[in-house]
mmCIF file of all heavy atoms, coordinates in Angstrom:
data_MODEL
# 
_entry.id   MODEL 
# 
loop_
_atom_site.group_PDB 
_atom_site.id 
_atom_site.type_symbol 
_atom_site.label_atom_id 
_atom_site.label_alt_id 
_atom_site.label_comp_id 
_atom_site.label_asym_id 
_atom_site.label_entity_id 
_atom_site.label_seq_id 
_atom_site.pdbx_PDB_ins_code 
_atom_site.Cartn_x 
_atom_site.Cartn_y 
_atom_site.Cartn_z 
_atom_site.occupancy 
_atom_site.B_iso_or_equiv 
_atom_site.pdbx_formal_charge 
_atom_site.auth_seq_id 
_atom_site.auth_comp_id 
_atom_site.auth_asym_id 
_atom_site.auth_atom_id 
_atom_site.pdbx_PDB_model_num 
ATOM 1   N N   . ASN A 1 1  ? 0.854  -1.182 0.000   1.00 0.00 ? 1  ASN A N   1 
ATOM 2   C CA  . ASN A 1 1  ? 0.000  0.000  0.000   1.00 0.00 ? 1  ASN A CA  1 
ATOM 3   C C   . ASN A 1 1  ? 0.890  1.231  0.000   1.00 0.00 ? 1  ASN A C   1 
ATOM 4   O O   . ASN A 1 1  ? 1.772  1.366  0.849   1.00 0.00 ? 1  ASN A O   1 
ATOM 5   C CB  . ASN A 1 1  ? -0.897 -0.002 1.235   1.00 0.00 ? 1  ASN A CB  1 
ATOM 6   C CG  . ASN A 1 1  ? -1.923 -1.111 1.188   1.00 0.00 ? 1  ASN A CG  1 
ATOM 7   O OD1 . ASN A 1 1  ? -2.376 -1.508 0.125   1.00 0.00 ? 1  ASN A OD1 1 
ATOM 8   N ND2 . ASN A 1 1  ? -2.300 -1.610 2.335   1.00 0.00 ? 1  ASN A ND2 1 
ATOM 9   N N   . GLU A 1 2  ? 0.642  2.111  -0.958  1.00 0.00 ? 2  GLU A N   1 
ATOM 10  C CA  . GLU A 1 2  ? 1.455  3.319  -1.062  1.00 0.00 ? 2  GLU A CA  1 
ATOM 11  C C   . GLU A 1 2  ? 0.671  4.397  -1.808  1.00 0.00 ? 2  GLU A C   1 
ATOM 12  O O   . GLU A 1 2  ? -0.055 4.099  -2.751  1.00 0.00 ? 2  GLU A O   1 
ATOM 13  C CB  . GLU A 1 2  ? 2.763  3.008  -1.807  1.00 0.00 ? 2  GLU A CB  1 
ATOM 14  C CG  . GLU A 1 2  ? 3.768  4.109  -1.748  1.00 0.00 ? 2  GLU A CG  1 
ATOM 15  C CD  . GLU A 1 2  ? 5.139  3.690  -2.250  1.00 0.00 ? 2  GLU A CD  1 
ATOM 16  O OE1 . GLU A 1 2  ? 5.321  2.532  -2.661  1.00 0.00 ? 2  GLU A OE1 1 
ATOM 17  O OE2 . GLU A 1 2  ? 6.040  4.544  -2.230  1.00 0.00 ? 2  GLU A OE2 1 
ATOM 18  N N   . LEU A 1 3  ? 0.842  5.637  -1.375  1.00 0.00 ? 3  LEU A N   1 
ATOM 19  C CA  . LEU A 1 3  ? 0.234  6.788  -2.034  1.00 0.00 ? 3  LEU A CA  1 
ATOM 20  C C   . LEU A 1 3  ? 1.356  7.632  -2.607  1.00 0.00 ? 3  LEU A C   1 
ATOM 21  O O   . LEU A 1 3  ? 2.307  7.981  -1.900  1.00 0.00 ? 3  LEU A O   1 
ATOM 22  C CB  . LEU A 1 3  ? -0.586 7.617  -1.031  1.00 0.00 ? 3  LEU A CB  1 
ATOM 23  C CG  . LEU A 1 3  ? -1.189 8.927  -1.539  1.00 0.00 ? 3  LEU A CG  1 
ATOM 24  C CD1 . LEU A 1 3  ? -2.168 8.682  -2.688  1.00 0.00 ? 3  LEU A CD1 1 
ATOM 25  C CD2 . LEU A 1 3  ? -1.865 9.669  -0.399  1.00 0.00 ? 3  LEU A CD2 1 
ATOM 26  N N   . PHE A 1 4  ? 1.270  7.967  -3.889  1.00 0.00 ? 4  PHE A N   1 
ATOM 27  C CA  . PHE A 1 4  ? 2.317  8.722  -4.557  1.00 0.00 ? 4  PHE A CA  1 
ATOM 28  C C   . PHE A 1 4  ? 1.943  10.199 -4.680  1.00 0.00 ? 4  PHE A C   1 
ATOM 29  O O   . PHE A 1 4  ? 0.770  10.563 -4.585  1.00 0.00 ? 4  PHE A O   1 
ATOM 30  C CB  . PHE A 1 4  ? 2.587  8.138  -5.946  1.00 0.00 ? 4  PHE A CB  1 
ATOM 31  C CG  . PHE A 1 4  ? 2.966  6.692  -5.894  1.00 0.00 ? 4  PHE A CG  1 
ATOM 32  C CD1 . PHE A 1 4  ? 2.099  5.718  -6.349  1.00 0.00 ? 4  PHE A CD1 1 
ATOM 33  C CD2 . PHE A 1 4  ? 4.184  6.287  -5.363  1.00 0.00 ? 4  PHE A CD2 1 
ATOM 34  C CE1 . PHE A 1 4  ? 2.429  4.372  -6.299  1.00 0.00 ? 4  PHE A CE1 1 
ATOM 35  C CE2 . PHE A 1 4  ? 4.530  4.949  -5.299  1.00 0.00 ? 4  PHE A CE2 1 
ATOM 36  C CZ  . PHE A 1 4  ? 3.648  3.995  -5.769  1.00 0.00 ? 4  PHE A CZ  1 
ATOM 37  N N   . GLN A 1 5  ? 2.945  11.020 -4.932  1.00 0.00 ? 5  GLN A N   1 
ATOM 38  C CA  . GLN A 1 5  ? 2.726  12.443 -5.152  1.00 0.00 ? 5  GLN A CA  1 
ATOM 39  C C   . GLN A 1 5  ? 1.989  12.644 -6.468  1.00 0.00 ? 5  GLN A C   1 
ATOM 40  O O   . GLN A 1 5  ? 2.295  11.965 -7.456  1.00 0.00 ? 5  GLN A O   1 
ATOM 41  C CB  . GLN A 1 5  ? 4.067  13.189 -5.184  1.00 0.00 ? 5  GLN A CB  1 
ATOM 42  C CG  . GLN A 1 5  ? 3.926  14.699 -5.271  1.00 0.00 ? 5  GLN A CG  1 
ATOM 43  C CD  . GLN A 1 5  ? 3.236  15.281 -4.048  1.00 0.00 ? 5  GLN A CD  1 
ATOM 44  O OE1 . GLN A 1 5  ? 3.624  15.014 -2.929  1.00 0.00 ? 5  GLN A OE1 1 
ATOM 45  N NE2 . GLN A 1 5  ? 2.206  16.081 -4.282  1.00 0.00 ? 5  GLN A NE2 1 
ATOM 46  N N   . ASN A 1 6  ? 1.004  13.519 -6.461  1.00 0.00 ? 6  ASN A N   1 
ATOM 47  C CA  . ASN A 1 6  ? 0.274  13.809 -7.693  1.00 0.00 ? 6  ASN A CA  1 
ATOM 48  C C   . ASN A 1 6  ? 1.208  14.441 -8.724  1.00 0.00 ? 6  ASN A C   1 
ATOM 49  O O   . ASN A 1 6  ? 2.182  15.110 -8.381  1.00 0.00 ? 6  ASN A O   1 
ATOM 50  C CB  . ASN A 1 6  ? -0.933 14.720 -7.420  1.00 0.00 ? 6  ASN A CB  1 
ATOM 51  C CG  . ASN A 1 6  ? -0.540 16.092 -6.928  1.00 0.00 ? 6  ASN A CG  1 
ATOM 52  O OD1 . ASN A 1 6  ? 0.127  16.216 -5.895  1.00 0.00 ? 6  ASN A OD1 1 
ATOM 53  N ND2 . ASN A 1 6  ? -0.950 17.122 -7.635  1.00 0.00 ? 6  ASN A ND2 1 
ATOM 54  N N   . THR A 1 7  ? 0.904  14.204 -10.004 1.00 0.00 ? 7  THR A N   1 
ATOM 55  C CA  . THR A 1 7  ? 1.676  14.815 -11.087 1.00 0.00 ? 7  THR A CA  1 
ATOM 56  C C   . THR A 1 7  ? 0.724  15.321 -12.151 1.00 0.00 ? 7  THR A C   1 
ATOM 57  O O   . THR A 1 7  ? -0.234 14.623 -12.482 1.00 0.00 ? 7  THR A O   1 
ATOM 58  C CB  . THR A 1 7  ? 2.660  13.803 -11.729 1.00 0.00 ? 7  THR A CB  1 
ATOM 59  O OG1 . THR A 1 7  ? 1.943  12.671 -12.186 1.00 0.00 ? 7  THR A OG1 1 
ATOM 60  C CG2 . THR A 1 7  ? 3.740  13.385 -10.753 1.00 0.00 ? 7  THR A CG2 1 
ATOM 61  N N   . PRO A 1 8  ? 0.917  16.502 -12.689 1.00 0.00 ? 8  PRO A N   1 
ATOM 62  C CA  . PRO A 1 8  ? 1.935  17.446 -12.221 1.00 0.00 ? 8  PRO A CA  1 
ATOM 63  C C   . PRO A 1 8  ? 1.491  18.095 -10.911 1.00 0.00 ? 8  PRO A C   1 
ATOM 64  O O   . PRO A 1 8  ? 0.318  18.081 -10.554 1.00 0.00 ? 8  PRO A O   1 
ATOM 65  C CB  . PRO A 1 8  ? 1.988  18.483 -13.338 1.00 0.00 ? 8  PRO A CB  1 
ATOM 66  C CG  . PRO A 1 8  ? 0.616  18.469 -13.947 1.00 0.00 ? 8  PRO A CG  1 
ATOM 67  C CD  . PRO A 1 8  ? 0.147  17.030 -13.821 1.00 0.00 ? 8  PRO A CD  1 
ATOM 68  N N   . ASN A 1 9  ? 2.440  18.658 -10.238 1.00 0.00 ? 9  ASN A N   1 
ATOM 69  C CA  . ASN A 1 9  ? 2.179  19.400 -9.010  1.00 0.00 ? 9  ASN A CA  1 
ATOM 70  C C   . ASN A 1 9  ? 3.212  20.513 -8.922  1.00 0.00 ? 9  ASN A C   1 
ATOM 71  O O   . ASN A 1 9  ? 4.396  20.211 -8.868  1.00 0.00 ? 9  ASN A O   1 
ATOM 72  C CB  . ASN A 1 9  ? 2.290  18.488 -7.785  1.00 0.00 ? 9  ASN A CB  1 
ATOM 73  C CG  . ASN A 1 9  ? 1.829  19.169 -6.509  1.00 0.00 ? 9  ASN A CG  1 
ATOM 74  O OD1 . ASN A 1 9  ? 0.878  19.921 -6.522  1.00 0.00 ? 9  ASN A OD1 1 
ATOM 75  N ND2 . ASN A 1 9  ? 2.527  18.921 -5.425  1.00 0.00 ? 9  ASN A ND2 1 
ATOM 76  N N   . PRO A 1 10 ? 2.791  21.760 -8.933  1.00 0.00 ? 10 PRO A N   1 
ATOM 77  C CA  . PRO A 1 10 ? 1.422  22.283 -8.961  1.00 0.00 ? 10 PRO A CA  1 
ATOM 78  C C   . PRO A 1 10 ? 0.751  22.041 -10.321 1.00 0.00 ? 10 PRO A C   1 
ATOM 79  O O   . PRO A 1 10 ? 1.398  21.762 -11.304 1.00 0.00 ? 10 PRO A O   1 
ATOM 80  C CB  . PRO A 1 10 ? 1.592  23.771 -8.680  1.00 0.00 ? 10 PRO A CB  1 
ATOM 81  C CG  . PRO A 1 10 ? 3.014  24.085 -8.923  1.00 0.00 ? 10 PRO A CG  1 
ATOM 82  C CD  . PRO A 1 10 ? 3.789  22.819 -8.836  1.00 0.00 ? 10 PRO A CD  1 
ATOM 83  N N   . PHE A 1 11 ? -0.585 22.190 -10.331 1.00 0.00 ? 11 PHE A N   1 
ATOM 84  C CA  . PHE A 1 11 ? -1.351 22.018 -11.566 1.00 0.00 ? 11 PHE A CA  1 
ATOM 85  C C   . PHE A 1 11 ? -2.455 23.066 -11.617 1.00 0.00 ? 11 PHE A C   1 
ATOM 86  O O   . PHE A 1 11 ? -2.833 23.645 -10.607 1.00 0.00 ? 11 PHE A O   1 
ATOM 87  C CB  . PHE A 1 11 ? -1.927 20.601 -11.665 1.00 0.00 ? 11 PHE A CB  1 
ATOM 88  C CG  . PHE A 1 11 ? -3.051 20.307 -10.703 1.00 0.00 ? 11 PHE A CG  1 
ATOM 89  C CD1 . PHE A 1 11 ? -4.371 20.334 -11.129 1.00 0.00 ? 11 PHE A CD1 1 
ATOM 90  C CD2 . PHE A 1 11 ? -2.794 20.004 -9.377  1.00 0.00 ? 11 PHE A CD2 1 
ATOM 91  C CE1 . PHE A 1 11 ? -5.408 20.046 -10.254 1.00 0.00 ? 11 PHE A CE1 1 
ATOM 92  C CE2 . PHE A 1 11 ? -3.832 19.708 -8.502  1.00 0.00 ? 11 PHE A CE2 1 
ATOM 93  C CZ  . PHE A 1 11 ? -5.140 19.744 -8.939  1.00 0.00 ? 11 PHE A CZ  1 
ATOM 94  N N   . SER A 1 12 ? -2.981 23.277 -12.840 1.00 0.00 ? 12 SER A N   1 
ATOM 95  C CA  . SER A 1 12 ? -4.070 24.245 -12.989 1.00 0.00 ? 12 SER A CA  1 
ATOM 96  C C   . SER A 1 12 ? -5.311 23.617 -13.615 1.00 0.00 ? 12 SER A C   1 
ATOM 97  O O   . SER A 1 12 ? -6.395 24.179 -13.505 1.00 0.00 ? 12 SER A O   1 
ATOM 98  C CB  . SER A 1 12 ? -3.614 25.425 -13.849 1.00 0.00 ? 12 SER A CB  1 
ATOM 99  O OG  . SER A 1 12 ? -3.219 24.970 -15.124 1.00 0.00 ? 12 SER A OG  1 
ATOM 100 N N   . ASP A 1 13 ? -5.171 22.476 -14.250 1.00 0.00 ? 13 ASP A N   1 
ATOM 101 C CA  . ASP A 1 13 ? -6.306 21.864 -14.931 1.00 0.00 ? 13 ASP A CA  1 
ATOM 102 C C   . ASP A 1 13 ? -6.600 20.470 -14.377 1.00 0.00 ? 13 ASP A C   1 
ATOM 103 O O   . ASP A 1 13 ? -7.594 20.273 -13.702 1.00 0.00 ? 13 ASP A O   1 
ATOM 104 C CB  . ASP A 1 13 ? -6.030 21.796 -16.437 1.00 0.00 ? 13 ASP A CB  1 
ATOM 105 C CG  . ASP A 1 13 ? -7.226 21.326 -17.241 1.00 0.00 ? 13 ASP A CG  1 
ATOM 106 O OD1 . ASP A 1 13 ? -8.370 21.574 -16.821 1.00 0.00 ? 13 ASP A OD1 1 
ATOM 107 O OD2 . ASP A 1 13 ? -7.012 20.684 -18.285 1.00 0.00 ? 13 ASP A OD2 1 
ATOM 108 N N   . VAL A 1 14 ? -5.741 19.499 -14.672 1.00 0.00 ? 14 VAL A N   1 
ATOM 109 C CA  . VAL A 1 14 ? -5.928 18.107 -14.269 1.00 0.00 ? 14 VAL A CA  1 
ATOM 110 C C   . VAL A 1 14 ? -4.625 17.573 -13.698 1.00 0.00 ? 14 VAL A C   1 
ATOM 111 O O   . VAL A 1 14 ? -3.546 17.915 -14.164 1.00 0.00 ? 14 VAL A O   1 
ATOM 112 C CB  . VAL A 1 14 ? -6.353 17.240 -15.477 1.00 0.00 ? 14 VAL A CB  1 
ATOM 113 C CG1 . VAL A 1 14 ? -6.438 15.778 -15.108 1.00 0.00 ? 14 VAL A CG1 1 
ATOM 114 C CG2 . VAL A 1 14 ? -7.683 17.716 -16.035 1.00 0.00 ? 14 VAL A CG2 1 
ATOM 115 N N   . THR A 1 15 ? -4.745 16.726 -12.672 1.00 0.00 ? 15 THR A N   1 
ATOM 116 C CA  . THR A 1 15 ? -3.580 16.060 -12.097 1.00 0.00 ? 15 THR A CA  1 
ATOM 117 C C   . THR A 1 15 ? -3.901 14.583 -11.930 1.00 0.00 ? 15 THR A C   1 
ATOM 118 O O   . THR A 1 15 ? -5.072 14.198 -11.887 1.00 0.00 ? 15 THR A O   1 
ATOM 119 C CB  . THR A 1 15 ? -3.161 16.701 -10.753 1.00 0.00 ? 15 THR A CB  1 
ATOM 120 O OG1 . THR A 1 15 ? -1.882 16.206 -10.370 1.00 0.00 ? 15 THR A OG1 1 
ATOM 121 C CG2 . THR A 1 15 ? -4.173 16.432 -9.657  1.00 0.00 ? 15 THR A CG2 1 
ATOM 122 N N   . THR A 1 16 ? -2.862 13.771 -11.844 1.00 0.00 ? 16 THR A N   1 
ATOM 123 C CA  . THR A 1 16 ? -3.021 12.331 -11.664 1.00 0.00 ? 16 THR A CA  1 
ATOM 124 C C   . THR A 1 16 ? -2.436 11.921 -10.318 1.00 0.00 ? 16 THR A C   1 
ATOM 125 O O   . THR A 1 16 ? -1.315 12.297 -9.989  1.00 0.00 ? 16 THR A O   1 
ATOM 126 C CB  . THR A 1 16 ? -2.308 11.558 -12.798 1.00 0.00 ? 16 THR A CB  1 
ATOM 127 O OG1 . THR A 1 16 ? -2.853 11.967 -14.050 1.00 0.00 ? 16 THR A OG1 1 
ATOM 128 C CG2 . THR A 1 16 ? -2.484 10.067 -12.636 1.00 0.00 ? 16 THR A CG2 1 
ATOM 129 N N   . ILE A 1 17 ? -3.216 11.163 -9.573  1.00 0.00 ? 17 ILE A N   1 
ATOM 130 C CA  . ILE A 1 17 ? -2.770 10.657 -8.280  1.00 0.00 ? 17 ILE A CA  1 
ATOM 131 C C   . ILE A 1 17 ? -2.589 9.150  -8.427  1.00 0.00 ? 17 ILE A C   1 
ATOM 132 O O   . ILE A 1 17 ? -3.531 8.434  -8.768  1.00 0.00 ? 17 ILE A O   1 
ATOM 133 C CB  . ILE A 1 17 ? -3.791 10.967 -7.164  1.00 0.00 ? 17 ILE A CB  1 
ATOM 134 C CG1 . ILE A 1 17 ? -3.925 12.481 -6.999  1.00 0.00 ? 17 ILE A CG1 1 
ATOM 135 C CG2 . ILE A 1 17 ? -3.376 10.290 -5.858  1.00 0.00 ? 17 ILE A CG2 1 
ATOM 136 C CD1 . ILE A 1 17 ? -5.024 12.903 -6.062  1.00 0.00 ? 17 ILE A CD1 1 
ATOM 137 N N   . GLY A 1 18 ? -1.380 8.684  -8.171  1.00 0.00 ? 18 GLY A N   1 
ATOM 138 C CA  . GLY A 1 18 ? -1.083 7.266  -8.266  1.00 0.00 ? 18 GLY A CA  1 
ATOM 139 C C   . GLY A 1 18 ? -1.029 6.635  -6.884  1.00 0.00 ? 18 GLY A C   1 
ATOM 140 O O   . GLY A 1 18 ? -0.672 7.283  -5.898  1.00 0.00 ? 18 GLY A O   1 
ATOM 141 N N   . PHE A 1 19 ? -1.393 5.365  -6.819  1.00 0.00 ? 19 PHE A N   1 
ATOM 142 C CA  . PHE A 1 19 ? -1.292 4.625  -5.566  1.00 0.00 ? 19 PHE A CA  1 
ATOM 143 C C   . PHE A 1 19 ? -1.198 3.146  -5.891  1.00 0.00 ? 19 PHE A C   1 
ATOM 144 O O   . PHE A 1 19 ? -1.582 2.698  -6.965  1.00 0.00 ? 19 PHE A O   1 
ATOM 145 C CB  . PHE A 1 19 ? -2.487 4.909  -4.641  1.00 0.00 ? 19 PHE A CB  1 
ATOM 146 C CG  . PHE A 1 19 ? -3.843 4.633  -5.233  1.00 0.00 ? 19 PHE A CG  1 
ATOM 147 C CD1 . PHE A 1 19 ? -4.477 3.414  -5.035  1.00 0.00 ? 19 PHE A CD1 1 
ATOM 148 C CD2 . PHE A 1 19 ? -4.494 5.611  -5.992  1.00 0.00 ? 19 PHE A CD2 1 
ATOM 149 C CE1 . PHE A 1 19 ? -5.736 3.166  -5.572  1.00 0.00 ? 19 PHE A CE1 1 
ATOM 150 C CE2 . PHE A 1 19 ? -5.745 5.372  -6.533  1.00 0.00 ? 19 PHE A CE2 1 
ATOM 151 C CZ  . PHE A 1 19 ? -6.373 4.145  -6.327  1.00 0.00 ? 19 PHE A CZ  1 
ATOM 152 N N   . SER A 1 20 ? -0.621 2.385  -4.979  1.00 0.00 ? 20 SER A N   1 
ATOM 153 C CA  . SER A 1 20 ? -0.570 0.937  -5.160  1.00 0.00 ? 20 SER A CA  1 
ATOM 154 C C   . SER A 1 20 ? -1.205 0.265  -3.956  1.00 0.00 ? 20 SER A C   1 
ATOM 155 O O   . SER A 1 20 ? -1.152 0.776  -2.837  1.00 0.00 ? 20 SER A O   1 
ATOM 156 C CB  . SER A 1 20 ? 0.857  0.442  -5.377  1.00 0.00 ? 20 SER A CB  1 
ATOM 157 O OG  . SER A 1 20 ? 1.636  0.605  -4.215  1.00 0.00 ? 20 SER A OG  1 
ATOM 158 N N   . LEU A 1 21 ? -1.807 -0.878 -4.218  1.00 0.00 ? 21 LEU A N   1 
ATOM 159 C CA  . LEU A 1 21 ? -2.496 -1.643 -3.183  1.00 0.00 ? 21 LEU A CA  1 
ATOM 160 C C   . LEU A 1 21 ? -1.945 -3.062 -3.143  1.00 0.00 ? 21 LEU A C   1 
ATOM 161 O O   . LEU A 1 21 ? -1.672 -3.656 -4.185  1.00 0.00 ? 21 LEU A O   1 
ATOM 162 C CB  . LEU A 1 21 ? -3.996 -1.702 -3.473  1.00 0.00 ? 21 LEU A CB  1 
ATOM 163 C CG  . LEU A 1 21 ? -4.744 -0.372 -3.562  1.00 0.00 ? 21 LEU A CG  1 
ATOM 164 C CD1 . LEU A 1 21 ? -6.170 -0.598 -4.039  1.00 0.00 ? 21 LEU A CD1 1 
ATOM 165 C CD2 . LEU A 1 21 ? -4.729 0.331  -2.218  1.00 0.00 ? 21 LEU A CD2 1 
ATOM 166 N N   . SER A 1 22 ? -1.826 -3.609 -1.944  1.00 0.00 ? 22 SER A N   1 
ATOM 167 C CA  . SER A 1 22 ? -1.333 -4.975 -1.804  1.00 0.00 ? 22 SER A CA  1 
ATOM 168 C C   . SER A 1 22 ? -2.407 -6.004 -2.149  1.00 0.00 ? 22 SER A C   1 
ATOM 169 O O   . SER A 1 22 ? -2.093 -7.150 -2.448  1.00 0.00 ? 22 SER A O   1 
ATOM 170 C CB  . SER A 1 22 ? -0.816 -5.213 -0.386  1.00 0.00 ? 22 SER A CB  1 
ATOM 171 O OG  . SER A 1 22 ? -1.852 -5.012 0.553   1.00 0.00 ? 22 SER A OG  1 
ATOM 172 N N   . LYS A 1 23 ? -3.677 -5.584 -2.117  1.00 0.00 ? 23 LYS A N   1 
ATOM 173 C CA  . LYS A 1 23 ? -4.782 -6.476 -2.492  1.00 0.00 ? 23 LYS A CA  1 
ATOM 174 C C   . LYS A 1 23 ? -5.962 -5.621 -2.945  1.00 0.00 ? 23 LYS A C   1 
ATOM 175 O O   . LYS A 1 23 ? -5.993 -4.413 -2.722  1.00 0.00 ? 23 LYS A O   1 
ATOM 176 C CB  . LYS A 1 23 ? -5.185 -7.384 -1.325  1.00 0.00 ? 23 LYS A CB  1 
ATOM 177 C CG  . LYS A 1 23 ? -5.641 -6.651 -0.079  1.00 0.00 ? 23 LYS A CG  1 
ATOM 178 C CD  . LYS A 1 23 ? -5.930 -7.653 1.034   1.00 0.00 ? 23 LYS A CD  1 
ATOM 179 C CE  . LYS A 1 23 ? -6.360 -6.929 2.298   1.00 0.00 ? 23 LYS A CE  1 
ATOM 180 N NZ  . LYS A 1 23 ? -6.679 -7.851 3.379   1.00 0.00 ? 23 LYS A NZ  1 
ATOM 181 N N   . ASP A 1 24 ? -6.923 -6.248 -3.604  1.00 0.00 ? 24 ASP A N   1 
ATOM 182 C CA  . ASP A 1 24 ? -8.132 -5.539 -4.026  1.00 0.00 ? 24 ASP A CA  1 
ATOM 183 C C   . ASP A 1 24 ? -8.764 -4.875 -2.804  1.00 0.00 ? 24 ASP A C   1 
ATOM 184 O O   . ASP A 1 24 ? -8.829 -5.484 -1.732  1.00 0.00 ? 24 ASP A O   1 
ATOM 185 C CB  . ASP A 1 24 ? -9.147 -6.500 -4.631  1.00 0.00 ? 24 ASP A CB  1 
ATOM 186 C CG  . ASP A 1 24 ? -8.675 -7.140 -5.929  1.00 0.00 ? 24 ASP A CG  1 
ATOM 187 O OD1 . ASP A 1 24 ? -7.560 -6.838 -6.386  1.00 0.00 ? 24 ASP A OD1 1 
ATOM 188 O OD2 . ASP A 1 24 ? -9.428 -7.962 -6.487  1.00 0.00 ? 24 ASP A OD2 1 
# 
């Protein structure tokens, strides 16, 4: 389980937040 930094950051329109999970 991990939460990543959003990219891009800073942003003005849309950003992507990545994360991983050890199970569903």
